[in-house]
PDB file of N, CA and C in Angstrom:
ATOM      1  N   LEU A   1     -81.048 -28.043-271.648  1.00  0.00           N
ATOM      2  CA  LEU A   1     -80.258 -28.193-272.426  1.00  0.00           C
ATOM      3  C   LEU A   1     -79.791 -29.807-272.745  1.00  0.00           C
ATOM      4  N   TRP A   2     -79.778 -30.013-274.167  1.00  0.00           N
ATOM      5  CA  TRP A   2     -79.346 -31.336-274.489  1.00  0.00           C
ATOM      6  C   TRP A   2     -78.080 -31.454-275.181  1.00  0.00           C
ATOM      7  N   LEU A   3     -77.569 -32.658-274.733  1.00  0.00           N
ATOM      8  CA  LEU A   3     -76.123 -32.676-275.306  1.00  0.00           C
ATOM      9  C   LEU A   3     -75.737 -34.124-276.101  1.00  0.00           C
ATOM     10  N   GLY A   4     -75.416 -34.106-276.995  1.00  0.00           N
ATOM     11  CA  GLY A   4     -75.125 -35.657-277.593  1.00  0.00           C
ATOM     12  C   GLY A   4     -74.314 -36.667-276.632  1.00  0.00           C
ATOM     13  N   ALA A   5     -74.134 -37.943-276.672  1.00  0.00           N
ATOM     14  CA  ALA A   5     -73.639 -38.706-275.783  1.00  0.00           C
ATOM     15  C   ALA A   5     -72.175 -38.624-276.131  1.00  0.00           C
ATOM     16  N   GLU A   6     -71.759 -38.250-277.261  1.00  0.00           N
ATOM     17  CA  GLU A   6     -70.319 -38.276-277.543  1.00  0.00           C
ATOM     18  C   GLU A   6     -69.707 -36.818-276.979  1.00  0.00           C
ATOM     19  N   LEU A   7     -70.628 -35.730-276.956  1.00  0.00           N
ATOM     20  CA  LEU A   7     -70.019 -34.525-276.309  1.00  0.00           C
ATOM     21  C   LEU A   7     -70.292 -34.413-274.751  1.00  0.00           C
ATOM     22  N   MET A   8     -71.115 -35.435-274.391  1.00  0.00           N
ATOM     23  CA  MET A   8     -71.074 -35.515-272.867  1.00  0.00           C
ATOM     24  C   MET A   8     -69.741 -36.494-272.346  1.00  0.00           C
ATOM     25  N   ALA A   9     -69.669 -37.410-272.968  1.00  0.00           N
ATOM     26  CA  ALA A   9     -68.315 -38.189-272.412  1.00  0.00           C
ATOM     27  C   ALA A   9     -67.173 -37.545-272.701  1.00  0.00           C
ATOM     28  N   ARG A  10     -66.891 -36.509-273.963  1.00  0.00           N
ATOM     29  CA  ARG A  10     -66.007 -35.675-273.997  1.00  0.00           C
ATOM     30  C   ARG A  10     -65.709 -34.762-272.632  1.00  0.00           C
ATOM     31  N   ALA A  11     -66.999 -34.034-272.297  1.00  0.00           N
ATOM     32  CA  ALA A  11     -67.057 -33.013-271.366  1.00  0.00           C
ATOM     33  C   ALA A  11     -66.574 -33.620-270.146  1.00  0.00           C
ATOM     34  N   ALA A  12     -66.977 -34.823-269.847  1.00  0.00           N
ATOM     35  CA  ALA A  12     -66.928 -35.692-268.474  1.00  0.00           C
ATOM     36  C   ALA A  12     -65.372 -35.980-268.738  1.00  0.00           C
ATOM     37  N   ALA A  13     -64.797 -36.427-269.549  1.00  0.00           N
ATOM     38  CA  ALA A  13     -63.535 -36.663-269.630  1.00  0.00           C
ATOM     39  C   ALA A  13     -62.462 -35.604-269.491  1.00  0.00           C
ATOM     40  N   ALA A  14     -62.787 -34.481-269.856  1.00  0.00           N
ATOM     41  CA  ALA A  14     -62.140 -33.353-269.558  1.00  0.00           C
ATOM     42  C   ALA A  14     -62.212 -32.860-268.300  1.00  0.00           C
ATOM     43  N   ILE A  15     -63.488 -32.903-267.797  1.00  0.00           N
ATOM     44  CA  ILE A  15     -63.636 -32.750-265.901  1.00  0.00           C
ATOM     45  C   ILE A  15     -62.575 -33.731-265.270  1.00  0.00           C
ATOM     46  N   VAL A  16     -62.656 -35.080-265.787  1.00  0.00           N
ATOM     47  CA  VAL A  16     -61.807 -36.027-264.937  1.00  0.00           C
ATOM     48  C   VAL A  16     -60.466 -35.780-265.000  1.00  0.00           C
ATOM     49  N   ARG A  17     -59.898 -35.225-266.392  1.00  0.00           N
ATOM     50  CA  ARG A  17     -58.509 -35.122-266.844  1.00  0.00           C
ATOM     51  C   ARG A  17     -58.136 -33.934-265.684  1.00  0.00           C
ATOM     52  N   SER A  18     -58.939 -32.724-265.491  1.00  0.00           N
ATOM     53  CA  SER A  18     -58.536 -31.760-264.835  1.00  0.00           C
ATOM     54  C   SER A  18     -58.588 -31.989-263.331  1.00  0.00           C
ATOM     55  N   ALA A  19     -59.165 -33.049-262.852  1.00  0.00           N
ATOM     56  CA  ALA A  19     -59.408 -33.293-261.401  1.00  0.00           C
ATOM     57  C   ALA A  19     -59.633 -34.492-261.323  1.00  0.00           C
ATOM     58  N   ALA A  20     -58.663 -35.427-261.589  1.00  0.00           N
ATOM     59  CA  ALA A  20     -59.065 -36.913-261.465  1.00  0.00           C
ATOM     60  C   ALA A  20     -59.008 -37.489-260.067  1.00  0.00           C
ATOM     61  N   LEU A  21     -59.777 -38.457-260.019  1.00  0.00           N
ATOM     62  CA  LEU A  21     -60.126 -39.358-258.661  1.00  0.00           C
ATOM     63  C   LEU A  21     -58.938 -39.969-258.454  1.00  0.00           C
ATOM     64  N   GLN A  22     -58.234 -40.110-257.440  1.00  0.00           N
ATOM     65  CA  GLN A  22     -57.112 -40.996-257.184  1.00  0.00           C
ATOM     66  C   GLN A  22     -57.621 -42.103-256.017  1.00  0.00           C
ATOM     67  N   PRO A  23     -57.012 -43.407-256.402  1.00  0.00           N
ATOM     68  CA  PRO A  23     -57.666 -44.382-255.828  1.00  0.00           C
ATOM     69  C   PRO A  23     -57.903 -44.284-254.412  1.00  0.00           C
ATOM     70  N   SER A  24     -56.995 -43.615-253.806  1.00  0.00           N
ATOM     71  CA  SER A  24     -57.014 -43.303-252.232  1.00  0.00           C
ATOM     72  C   SER A  24     -58.083 -42.535-251.865  1.00  0.00           C
ATOM     73  N   GLU A  25     -58.614 -41.624-252.692  1.00  0.00           N
ATOM     74  CA  GLU A  25     -59.867 -40.755-252.508  1.00  0.00           C
ATOM     75  C   GLU A  25     -61.130 -41.488-252.507  1.00  0.00           C
ATOM     76  N   THR A  26     -61.036 -42.608-253.186  1.00  0.00           N
ATOM     77  CA  THR A  26     -62.426 -43.300-253.172  1.00  0.00           C
ATOM     78  C   THR A  26     -62.619 -44.044-251.942  1.00  0.00           C
ATOM     79  N   LYS A  27     -61.809 -44.429-251.112  1.00  0.00           N
ATOM     80  CA  LYS A  27     -61.870 -44.886-249.921  1.00  0.00           C
ATOM     81  C   LYS A  27     -62.314 -44.267-248.738  1.00  0.00           C
ATOM     82  N   THR A  28     -62.086 -42.842-248.996  1.00  0.00           N
ATOM     83  CA  THR A  28     -62.634 -41.693-248.106  1.00  0.00           C
ATOM     84  C   THR A  28     -63.671 -41.046-248.525  1.00  0.00           C
ATOM     85  N   ASN A  29     -64.132 -41.323-249.878  1.00  0.00           N
ATOM     86  CA  ASN A  29     -65.306 -40.669-250.501  1.00  0.00           C
ATOM     87  C   ASN A  29     -66.654 -41.292-249.788  1.00  0.00           C
ATOM     88  N   PRO A  30     -67.179 -40.591-249.260  1.00  0.00           N
ATOM     89  CA  PRO A  30     -68.642 -41.070-248.962  1.00  0.00           C
ATOM     90  C   PRO A  30     -69.565 -41.374-249.782  1.00  0.00           C
ATOM     91  N   ALA A  31     -69.360 -40.800-251.074  1.00  0.00           N
ATOM     92  CA  ALA A  31     -70.400 -41.229-252.205  1.00  0.00           C
ATOM     93  C   ALA A  31     -70.045 -42.655-252.426  1.00  0.00           C
ATOM     94  N   PHE A  32     -69.181 -43.206-252.276  1.00  0.00           N
ATOM     95  CA  PHE A  32     -68.612 -44.592-252.505  1.00  0.00           C
ATOM     96  C   PHE A  32     -69.266 -45.709-251.801  1.00  0.00           C
ATOM     97  N   ASP A  33     -69.471 -45.174-250.302  1.00  0.00           N
ATOM     98  CA  ASP A  33     -70.296 -46.062-249.371  1.00  0.00           C
ATOM     99  C   ASP A  33     -71.414 -46.367-249.854  1.00  0.00           C
ATOM    100  N   GLU A  34     -72.013 -45.836-250.610  1.00  0.00           N
ATOM    101  CA  GLU A  34     -73.491 -46.204-250.963  1.00  0.00           C
ATOM    102  C   GLU A  34     -73.599 -47.137-252.099  1.00  0.00           C
ATOM    103  N   LEU A  35     -72.396 -47.612-252.793  1.00  0.00           N
ATOM    104  CA  LEU A  35     -72.131 -48.306-253.906  1.00  0.00           C
ATOM    105  C   LEU A  35     -71.813 -49.662-253.578  1.00  0.00           C
ATOM    106  N   THR A  36     -72.013 -50.725-253.987  1.00  0.00           N
ATOM    107  CA  THR A  36     -71.506 -52.105-254.284  1.00  0.00           C
ATOM    108  C   THR A  36     -70.185 -51.810-254.704  1.00  0.00           C
ATOM    109  N   PRO A  37     -69.378 -53.043-254.306  1.00  0.00           N
ATOM    110  CA  PRO A  37     -67.906 -53.053-254.757  1.00  0.00           C
ATOM    111  C   PRO A  37     -67.738 -52.846-256.602  1.00  0.00           C
ATOM    112  N   ARG A  38     -68.957 -53.497-256.996  1.00  0.00           N
ATOM    113  CA  ARG A  38     -68.974 -53.608-258.548  1.00  0.00           C
ATOM    114  C   ARG A  38     -69.357 -52.446-259.044  1.00  0.00           C
ATOM    115  N   GLU A  39     -70.453 -51.646-258.492  1.00  0.00           N
ATOM    116  CA  GLU A  39     -70.890 -50.331-258.989  1.00  0.00           C
ATOM    117  C   GLU A  39     -69.953 -49.168-258.629  1.00  0.00           C
ATOM    118  N   ARG A  40     -68.883 -49.416-257.496  1.00  0.00           N
ATOM    119  CA  ARG A  40     -67.851 -48.569-257.666  1.00  0.00           C
ATOM    120  C   ARG A  40     -66.874 -48.829-258.808  1.00  0.00           C
ATOM    121  N   ASP A  41     -66.393 -50.133-259.088  1.00  0.00           N
ATOM    122  CA  ASP A  41     -65.642 -50.271-260.314  1.00  0.00           C
ATOM    123  C   ASP A  41     -66.135 -49.687-261.554  1.00  0.00           C
ATOM    124  N   VAL A  42     -67.562 -49.959-262.012  1.00  0.00           N
ATOM    125  CA  VAL A  42     -68.107 -49.465-263.035  1.00  0.00           C
ATOM    126  C   VAL A  42     -68.326 -47.665-262.832  1.00  0.00           C
ATOM    127  N   ALA A  43     -68.399 -47.175-261.710  1.00  0.00           N
ATOM    128  CA  ALA A  43     -68.339 -45.613-261.706  1.00  0.00           C
ATOM    129  C   ALA A  43     -67.059 -45.121-261.700  1.00  0.00           C
ATOM    130  N   LEU A  44     -65.899 -45.731-261.527  1.00  0.00           N
ATOM    131  CA  LEU A  44     -64.596 -45.289-261.438  1.00  0.00           C
ATOM    132  C   LEU A  44     -64.335 -45.229-263.024  1.00  0.00           C
ATOM    133  N   LYS A  45     -64.704 -46.377-263.713  1.00  0.00           N
ATOM    134  CA  LYS A  45     -64.228 -46.396-265.291  1.00  0.00           C
ATOM    135  C   LYS A  45     -65.077 -45.271-266.016  1.00  0.00           C
ATOM    136  N   VAL A  46     -66.344 -45.204-265.484  1.00  0.00           N
ATOM    137  CA  VAL A  46     -67.123 -43.953-266.274  1.00  0.00           C
ATOM    138  C   VAL A  46     -66.375 -42.633-265.766  1.00  0.00           C
ATOM    139  N   ALA A  47     -66.123 -42.514-264.629  1.00  0.00           N
ATOM    140  CA  ALA A  47     -65.542 -41.215-264.048  1.00  0.00           C
ATOM    141  C   ALA A  47     -64.121 -41.014-264.845  1.00  0.00           C
ATOM    142  N   ASP A  48     -63.371 -42.054-265.363  1.00  0.00           N
ATOM    143  CA  ASP A  48     -62.205 -41.965-266.129  1.00  0.00           C
ATOM    144  C   ASP A  48     -62.547 -41.762-267.695  1.00  0.00           C
ATOM    145  N   GLY A  49     -63.767 -41.597-267.960  1.00  0.00           N
ATOM    146  CA  GLY A  49     -64.156 -41.088-269.445  1.00  0.00           C
ATOM    147  C   GLY A  49     -64.789 -42.460-270.082  1.00  0.00           C
ATOM    148  N   ALA A  50     -64.813 -43.625-269.882  1.00  0.00           N
ATOM    149  CA  ALA A  50     -65.091 -44.837-270.621  1.00  0.00           C
ATOM    150  C   ALA A  50     -66.516 -44.822-271.012  1.00  0.00           C
ATOM    151  N   SER A  51     -66.712 -45.418-272.083  1.00  0.00           N
ATOM    152  CA  SER A  51     -67.965 -45.665-272.707  1.00  0.00           C
ATOM    153  C   SER A  51     -68.748 -46.827-271.970  1.00  0.00           C
ATOM    154  N   ASN A  52     -69.922 -47.228-272.152  1.00  0.00           N
ATOM    155  CA  ASN A  52     -70.430 -48.237-271.434  1.00  0.00           C
ATOM    156  C   ASN A  52     -69.712 -49.608-271.965  1.00  0.00           C
ATOM    157  N   LYS A  53     -69.836 -49.594-273.186  1.00  0.00           N
ATOM    158  CA  LYS A  53     -69.071 -50.567-274.237  1.00  0.00           C
ATOM    159  C   LYS A  53     -67.646 -50.854-273.716  1.00  0.00           C
ATOM    160  N   GLU A  54     -66.818 -49.810-273.378  1.00  0.00           N
ATOM    161  CA  GLU A  54     -65.466 -49.770-272.760  1.00  0.00           C
ATOM    162  C   GLU A  54     -65.526 -50.388-271.284  1.00  0.00           C
ATOM    163  N   VAL A  55     -66.495 -50.026-270.650  1.00  0.00           N
ATOM    164  CA  VAL A  55     -66.569 -50.564-269.187  1.00  0.00           C
ATOM    165  C   VAL A  55     -66.723 -51.903-269.468  1.00  0.00           C
ATOM    166  N   ALA A  56     -67.638 -52.518-270.035  1.00  0.00           N
ATOM    167  CA  ALA A  56     -67.876 -53.725-270.186  1.00  0.00           C
ATOM    168  C   ALA A  56     -66.568 -54.477-270.618  1.00  0.00           C
ATOM    169  N   ARG A  57     -66.208 -54.292-271.519  1.00  0.00           N
ATOM    170  CA  ARG A  57     -64.858 -54.897-271.950  1.00  0.00           C
ATOM    171  C   ARG A  57     -63.737 -54.871-270.867  1.00  0.00           C
ATOM    172  N   LEU A  58     -63.929 -53.860-270.247  1.00  0.00           N
ATOM    173  CA  LEU A  58     -62.635 -53.760-269.081  1.00  0.00           C
ATOM    174  C   LEU A  58     -63.069 -54.464-268.126  1.00  0.00           C
ATOM    175  N   LEU A  59     -64.025 -54.449-267.817  1.00  0.00           N
ATOM    176  CA  LEU A  59     -64.512 -55.224-266.539  1.00  0.00           C
ATOM    177  C   LEU A  59     -65.279 -57.101-266.813  1.00  0.00           C
ATOM    178  N   ASP A  60     -65.142 -57.053-268.041  1.00  0.00           N
ATOM    179  CA  ASP A  60     -65.378 -58.421-268.426  1.00  0.00           C
ATOM    180  C   ASP A  60     -66.911 -58.766-268.140  1.00  0.00           C
ATOM    181  N   ILE A  61     -67.812 -57.707-268.325  1.00  0.00           N
ATOM    182  CA  ILE A  61     -69.404 -57.759-268.311  1.00  0.00           C
ATOM    183  C   ILE A  61     -70.317 -57.449-269.497  1.00  0.00           C
ATOM    184  N   THR A  62     -71.168 -57.702-269.714  1.00  0.00           N
ATOM    185  CA  THR A  62     -72.143 -57.163-271.010  1.00  0.00           C
ATOM    186  C   THR A  62     -72.345 -55.479-270.761  1.00  0.00           C
ATOM    187  N   PRO A  63     -72.491 -54.925-271.970  1.00  0.00           N
ATOM    188  CA  PRO A  63     -72.986 -53.626-271.936  1.00  0.00           C
ATOM    189  C   PRO A  63     -74.461 -53.512-271.196  1.00  0.00           C
ATOM    190  N   ARG A  64     -74.923 -54.392-271.260  1.00  0.00           N
ATOM    191  CA  ARG A  64     -76.364 -54.272-270.757  1.00  0.00           C
ATOM    192  C   ARG A  64     -76.389 -54.275-269.017  1.00  0.00           C
ATOM    193  N   THR A  65     -75.223 -55.082-268.678  1.00  0.00           N
ATOM    194  CA  THR A  65     -75.038 -55.287-267.101  1.00  0.00           C
ATOM    195  C   THR A  65     -74.583 -53.646-266.664  1.00  0.00           C
ATOM    196  N   VAL A  66     -73.681 -53.172-267.553  1.00  0.00           N
ATOM    197  CA  VAL A  66     -73.431 -51.865-267.064  1.00  0.00           C
ATOM    198  C   VAL A  66     -74.224 -50.976-267.025  1.00  0.00           C
ATOM    199  N   LYS A  67     -75.077 -50.993-268.111  1.00  0.00           N
ATOM    200  CA  LYS A  67     -76.191 -50.044-268.093  1.00  0.00           C
ATOM    201  C   LYS A  67     -77.018 -50.240-266.687  1.00  0.00           C
ATOM    202  N   ALA A  68     -77.287 -51.395-266.300  1.00  0.00           N
ATOM    203  CA  ALA A  68     -78.115 -51.611-265.088  1.00  0.00           C
ATOM    204  C   ALA A  68     -77.233 -51.035-263.985  1.00  0.00           C
ATOM    205  N   HIS A  69     -76.202 -51.413-263.975  1.00  0.00           N
ATOM    206  CA  HIS A  69     -75.335 -50.843-262.787  1.00  0.00           C
ATOM    207  C   HIS A  69     -75.105 -49.282-262.784  1.00  0.00           C
ATOM    208  N   MET A  70     -75.400 -48.575-264.055  1.00  0.00           N
ATOM    209  CA  MET A  70     -75.269 -47.142-263.988  1.00  0.00           C
ATOM    210  C   MET A  70     -76.754 -46.739-263.524  1.00  0.00           C
ATOM    211  N   GLY A  71     -77.745 -47.438-263.885  1.00  0.00           N
ATOM    212  CA  GLY A  71     -78.933 -46.963-263.374  1.00  0.00           C
ATOM    213  C   GLY A  71     -79.049 -47.020-261.909  1.00  0.00           C
ATOM    214  N   ALA A  72     -78.584 -48.197-261.176  1.00  0.00           N
ATOM    215  CA  ALA A  72     -78.258 -48.174-259.874  1.00  0.00           C
ATOM    216  C   ALA A  72     -77.479 -47.227-259.268  1.00  0.00           C
ATOM    217  N   ILE A  73     -76.036 -46.884-259.983  1.00  0.00           N
ATOM    218  CA  ILE A  73     -75.534 -45.778-259.240  1.00  0.00           C
ATOM    219  C   ILE A  73     -76.078 -44.319-259.433  1.00  0.00           C
ATOM    220  N   PHE A  74     -76.808 -44.187-260.735  1.00  0.00           N
ATOM    221  CA  PHE A  74     -77.470 -42.811-260.485  1.00  0.00           C
ATOM    222  C   PHE A  74     -78.431 -42.703-259.367  1.00  0.00           C
ATOM    223  N   HIS A  75     -79.205 -43.589-259.418  1.00  0.00           N
ATOM    224  CA  HIS A  75     -80.269 -43.919-258.297  1.00  0.00           C
ATOM    225  C   HIS A  75     -79.711 -43.508-257.045  1.00  0.00           C
ATOM    226  N   LYS A  76     -78.797 -44.148-256.526  1.00  0.00           N
ATOM    227  CA  LYS A  76     -78.156 -44.064-255.323  1.00  0.00           C
ATOM    228  C   LYS A  76     -77.437 -42.964-254.857  1.00  0.00           C
ATOM    229  N   LEU A  77     -76.881 -42.439-256.069  1.00  0.00           N
ATOM    230  CA  LEU A  77     -76.178 -40.958-255.869  1.00  0.00           C
ATOM    231  C   LEU A  77     -76.982 -39.844-256.075  1.00  0.00           C
ATOM    232  N   GLY A  78     -78.312 -40.070-256.659  1.00  0.00           N
ATOM    233  CA  GLY A  78     -79.024 -38.890-256.870  1.00  0.00           C
ATOM    234  C   GLY A  78     -78.666 -38.035-258.179  1.00  0.00           C
ATOM    235  N   VAL A  79     -77.957 -38.806-258.943  1.00  0.00           N
ATOM    236  CA  VAL A  79     -77.910 -38.109-260.025  1.00  0.00           C
ATOM    237  C   VAL A  79     -78.403 -38.418-261.348  1.00  0.00           C
ATOM    238  N   ARG A  80     -78.377 -37.466-262.570  1.00  0.00           N
ATOM    239  CA  ARG A  80     -79.046 -37.645-263.796  1.00  0.00           C
ATOM    240  C   ARG A  80     -78.557 -38.213-264.854  1.00  0.00           C
ATOM    241  N   ASP A  81     -76.950 -38.177-265.066  1.00  0.00           N
ATOM    242  CA  ASP A  81     -76.153 -38.341-266.075  1.00  0.00           C
ATOM    243  C   ASP A  81     -74.534 -38.501-265.679  1.00  0.00           C
ATOM    244  N   ARG A  82     -73.855 -38.992-266.663  1.00  0.00           N
ATOM    245  CA  ARG A  82     -72.400 -39.091-266.445  1.00  0.00           C
ATOM    246  C   ARG A  82     -71.782 -37.876-265.845  1.00  0.00           C
ATOM    247  N   LEU A  83     -72.068 -36.769-266.524  1.00  0.00           N
ATOM    248  CA  LEU A  83     -71.286 -35.631-266.023  1.00  0.00           C
ATOM    249  C   LEU A  83     -71.802 -35.235-264.656  1.00  0.00           C
ATOM    250  N   GLN A  84     -72.987 -35.220-264.242  1.00  0.00           N
ATOM    251  CA  GLN A  84     -73.396 -35.329-262.798  1.00  0.00           C
ATOM    252  C   GLN A  84     -72.575 -36.091-261.721  1.00  0.00           C
ATOM    253  N   LEU A  85     -72.430 -37.341-262.450  1.00  0.00           N
ATOM    254  CA  LEU A  85     -71.782 -38.250-261.442  1.00  0.00           C
ATOM    255  C   LEU A  85     -70.584 -37.794-261.203  1.00  0.00           C
ATOM    256  N   VAL A  86     -69.649 -37.609-262.247  1.00  0.00           N
ATOM    257  CA  VAL A  86     -68.185 -36.890-262.341  1.00  0.00           C
ATOM    258  C   VAL A  86     -68.357 -35.984-261.284  1.00  0.00           C
ATOM    259  N   LEU A  87     -69.001 -35.275-261.324  1.00  0.00           N
ATOM    260  CA  LEU A  87     -69.226 -33.965-260.492  1.00  0.00           C
ATOM    261  C   LEU A  87     -69.476 -34.372-258.987  1.00  0.00           C
ATOM    262  N   ARG A  88     -70.013 -35.056-258.949  1.00  0.00           N
ATOM    263  CA  ARG A  88     -70.714 -35.712-257.566  1.00  0.00           C
ATOM    264  C   ARG A  88     -69.410 -36.387-256.796  1.00  0.00           C
ATOM    265  N   LEU A  89     -68.621 -37.122-257.606  1.00  0.00           N
ATOM    266  CA  LEU A  89     -67.626 -37.729-256.816  1.00  0.00           C
ATOM    267  C   LEU A  89     -66.842 -37.042-256.770  1.00  0.00           C
ATOM    268  N   ARG A  90     -66.513 -35.818-257.726  1.00  0.00           N
ATOM    269  CA  ARG A  90     -65.244 -34.829-257.521  1.00  0.00           C
ATOM    270  C   ARG A  90     -65.583 -34.153-255.692  1.00  0.00           C
ATOM    271  N   SER A  91     -66.962 -33.677-255.969  1.00  0.00           N
ATOM    272  CA  SER A  91     -67.278 -32.719-254.956  1.00  0.00           C
ATOM    273  C   SER A  91     -67.284 -33.237-253.547  1.00  0.00           C
ATOM    274  N   THR A  92     -67.466 -34.586-253.308  1.00  0.00           N
ATOM    275  CA  THR A  92     -67.432 -35.394-252.327  1.00  0.00           C
ATOM    276  C   THR A  92     -66.108 -35.780-251.829  1.00  0.00           C
ATOM    277  N   SER A  93     -65.328 -35.955-252.787  1.00  0.00           N
ATOM    278  CA  SER A  93     -63.928 -36.266-252.325  1.00  0.00           C
ATOM    279  C   SER A  93     -63.140 -34.755-252.062  1.00  0.00           C
ATOM    280  N   ASP A  94     -63.402 -33.764-252.068  1.00  0.00           N
ATOM    281  CA  ASP A  94     -62.799 -32.505-252.299  1.00  0.00           C
ATOM    282  C   ASP A  94     -63.581 -31.809-250.937  1.00  0.00           C
ATOM    283  N   GLY A  95     -64.690 -32.537-250.501  1.00  0.00           N
ATOM    284  CA  GLY A  95     -65.545 -31.473-249.496  1.00  0.00           C
ATOM    285  C   GLY A  95     -66.711 -30.836-250.436  1.00  0.00           C
ATOM    286  N   PRO A  96     -67.460 -30.029-249.700  1.00  0.00           N
ATOM    287  CA  PRO A  96     -68.436 -29.088-250.388  1.00  0.00           C
ATOM    288  C   PRO A  96     -68.015 -28.413-251.571  1.00  0.00           C
ATOM    289  N   ALA A  97     -68.906 -28.426-252.661  1.00  0.00           N
ATOM    290  CA  ALA A  97     -68.358 -27.643-253.750  1.00  0.00           C
ATOM    291  C   ALA A  97     -68.941 -26.388-253.997  1.00  0.00           C
TER     292      ALA A  97
END
């Protein structure tokens, strides 16, 4: 099933709104143990529904750097896209899904 980037971002944002990660959860979330501090920052912004351009602006980095971090995050967490990232971060903070 192919979803456009805008629809994927909206779906991820809807999931986040219904089950938002709290900052305290990231400290106990084992998925975050695999990420560098900057990758965690990027992952949290993406999980909040931000686009690569928005993440770049918020973290004062280039969109190309965001893309590189996203590739590393996807690889480390074994996910293929933003939606899977959000689901992975939620499932590991809540326990097995």
